Protein backbone atom coordinates (compact mmCIF):
# COMPACT_ATOMS: atom_id res chain seq x y z
CA MET A 1 78.89 111.94 -79.10
CA ALA A 2 77.97 110.21 -75.76
CA SER A 3 74.85 112.30 -75.38
CA SER A 4 73.72 111.26 -78.86
CA LEU A 5 74.16 107.68 -78.04
CA LEU A 6 72.26 108.09 -74.77
CA TRP A 7 69.48 109.88 -76.68
CA CYS A 8 69.20 107.09 -79.22
CA LEU A 9 69.04 104.39 -76.50
CA LEU A 10 66.36 106.39 -74.67
CA VAL A 11 64.30 106.75 -77.92
CA GLY A 12 64.73 103.11 -78.67
CA CYS A 13 63.59 101.97 -75.29
CA ALA A 14 60.57 104.28 -75.38
CA LEU A 15 59.55 102.87 -78.80
CA ALA A 16 59.85 99.28 -77.46
CA VAL A 17 57.77 100.07 -74.47
CA PHE A 18 55.15 101.71 -76.56
CA GLN A 19 55.03 98.86 -78.99
CA VAL A 20 54.33 96.46 -76.07
CA TYR A 21 51.50 98.53 -74.71
CA ALA A 22 50.06 99.31 -78.13
CA GLN A 23 49.37 95.68 -78.81
CA GLU A 24 45.83 94.83 -78.17
CA ARG A 25 45.40 92.79 -74.91
CA THR A 26 43.80 89.46 -75.52
CA VAL A 27 42.17 87.00 -73.16
CA LEU A 28 41.50 83.20 -73.43
CA LYS A 29 38.20 81.92 -72.08
CA VAL A 30 37.81 78.17 -71.60
CA PHE A 31 34.18 76.96 -71.12
CA ASN A 32 31.65 74.31 -71.96
CA LEU A 33 33.70 71.45 -70.38
CA ARG A 34 32.06 68.05 -70.38
CA ALA A 35 33.12 64.44 -70.73
CA SER A 36 31.45 61.25 -71.96
CA ASN A 37 32.06 57.49 -71.27
CA LEU A 38 34.80 58.11 -68.61
CA HIS A 39 36.52 55.04 -67.32
CA SER A 40 37.95 54.52 -63.85
CA SER A 41 38.80 51.35 -62.02
CA ILE A 42 36.76 48.22 -62.62
CA ILE A 43 34.64 48.59 -59.49
CA GLN A 44 34.01 52.31 -59.36
CA THR A 45 32.35 55.12 -61.30
CA PRO A 46 34.79 58.04 -61.72
CA ASP A 47 34.66 61.13 -59.60
CA ALA A 48 36.09 63.38 -62.27
CA TYR A 49 37.51 66.97 -62.31
CA ILE A 50 39.65 68.94 -64.70
CA LYS A 51 42.68 71.11 -64.15
CA VAL A 52 43.25 73.86 -66.77
CA PHE A 53 46.67 75.29 -67.74
CA LEU A 54 47.92 77.79 -70.40
CA GLY A 55 51.59 77.18 -70.89
CA PRO A 56 53.07 77.00 -67.41
CA SER A 57 50.24 79.05 -65.95
CA TYR A 58 47.65 77.15 -63.76
CA GLY A 59 44.10 78.56 -64.30
CA GLY A 60 42.33 76.37 -61.74
CA LYS A 61 40.28 73.35 -61.56
CA THR A 62 36.58 72.40 -61.71
CA GLU A 63 34.44 70.83 -58.98
CA VAL A 64 34.53 67.13 -58.57
CA LYS A 65 31.52 65.37 -60.21
CA ASN A 66 31.01 62.35 -58.15
CA ASP A 67 29.96 58.97 -59.60
CA ASN A 68 29.36 60.31 -63.03
CA THR A 69 30.71 58.77 -66.41
CA ASP A 70 29.21 61.73 -68.37
CA PRO A 71 29.91 64.88 -66.32
CA TRP A 72 29.31 68.48 -67.27
CA TRP A 73 30.99 71.40 -65.50
CA LYS A 74 29.76 74.93 -65.26
CA GLU A 75 33.06 76.63 -64.55
CA GLU A 76 34.68 78.96 -67.06
CA PHE A 77 38.44 79.74 -66.86
CA GLY A 78 40.19 82.99 -68.15
CA PHE A 79 43.78 83.74 -68.95
CA PHE A 80 44.69 87.43 -69.55
CA ASN A 81 47.23 88.30 -72.15
CA ALA A 82 47.10 84.96 -73.83
CA HIS A 83 48.69 84.75 -77.29
CA GLU A 84 47.96 82.77 -80.45
CA ASP A 85 49.97 79.53 -80.41
CA ASP A 86 50.12 79.37 -76.50
CA LEU A 87 49.56 75.74 -75.37
CA LEU A 88 46.29 75.01 -73.65
CA ARG A 89 46.33 71.86 -71.53
CA LEU A 90 43.30 70.21 -69.85
CA GLU A 91 44.04 67.35 -67.51
CA VAL A 92 41.20 65.05 -66.46
CA TYR A 93 41.37 63.35 -63.10
CA ASP A 94 39.52 60.75 -61.15
CA SER A 95 39.39 61.89 -57.45
CA ASP A 96 40.05 58.98 -55.02
CA MET A 97 40.65 58.90 -51.31
CA PHE A 98 44.41 58.73 -51.51
CA PHE A 99 45.34 59.11 -55.15
CA HIS A 100 44.05 61.27 -57.96
CA ASP A 101 44.34 59.08 -61.11
CA LEU A 102 45.07 61.05 -64.38
CA LEU A 103 42.44 59.88 -66.91
CA GLY A 104 43.94 61.81 -69.79
CA THR A 105 45.40 64.99 -71.02
CA CYS A 106 44.21 67.24 -73.88
CA GLU A 107 46.64 69.74 -75.44
CA ARG A 108 46.06 72.24 -78.19
CA TYR A 109 47.82 75.30 -79.51
CA ILE A 110 45.24 78.12 -79.41
CA LYS A 111 44.17 80.24 -82.35
CA ASN A 112 42.20 83.49 -82.44
CA GLY A 113 38.46 83.03 -82.55
CA THR A 114 35.98 80.58 -80.95
CA PHE A 115 36.38 76.80 -81.21
CA GLN A 116 34.87 73.57 -79.98
CA HIS A 117 36.98 70.48 -79.66
CA GLU A 118 36.85 66.81 -78.69
CA CYS A 119 39.77 64.97 -77.15
CA PHE A 120 40.07 61.29 -76.70
CA LEU A 121 41.39 60.33 -73.17
CA ASN A 122 44.15 57.61 -72.50
CA THR A 123 41.91 55.60 -70.30
CA GLY A 124 38.87 55.86 -72.54
CA GLY A 125 36.10 58.33 -73.03
CA SER A 126 36.27 61.86 -74.43
CA LEU A 127 36.54 65.35 -73.22
CA TYR A 128 34.71 68.16 -74.95
CA TYR A 129 35.55 71.78 -74.46
CA SER A 130 35.21 75.23 -76.17
CA TYR A 131 37.53 78.26 -76.00
CA THR A 132 37.61 81.81 -77.19
CA LEU A 133 40.73 83.85 -77.81
CA GLY A 134 40.23 87.41 -78.70
CA PRO A 135 40.49 91.05 -77.52
CA LYS A 136 40.18 91.80 -73.91
CA GLN A 137 36.49 92.26 -72.89
CA GLN A 138 35.24 94.47 -70.21
CA ASP A 139 32.76 91.75 -68.91
CA LEU A 140 34.77 88.77 -67.68
CA GLU A 141 32.83 88.28 -64.56
CA GLY A 142 32.38 84.60 -63.43
CA LEU A 143 35.69 83.43 -64.64
CA GLU A 144 37.60 81.22 -62.30
CA ALA A 145 40.63 82.97 -60.84
CA PRO A 146 43.85 80.89 -60.54
CA GLU A 147 44.49 79.45 -57.05
């Protein structure tokens, strides 16, 4: 009796592990980040950068684009094992000497496929970005690694 129960537990665990590994691995790629009409303090032009998150995972940040109300960033960010309906969050900051002011946050639950979005920022202006969620690709070179 005990050996039958142990055998059933072992088979159940093996099936659960197989199911996890049998699922196709997916990756989220965030790219084509740009902003327009960014606002900062009355006297200054923003020195903007973006932090990228997927759920609680930090994916990295872009370089700072100094004195630019319409910046465009070349960085791309990747998250392995992303899932549909995970929350993508992009935070736009103005880099200052002592404080980094949050200009706005964009949040979206991701879906399978490739999409382009516009997000209106709290302090004015817009953030534009694209993402692709799909099967893990072999060629993911150039994606920013989390810090």
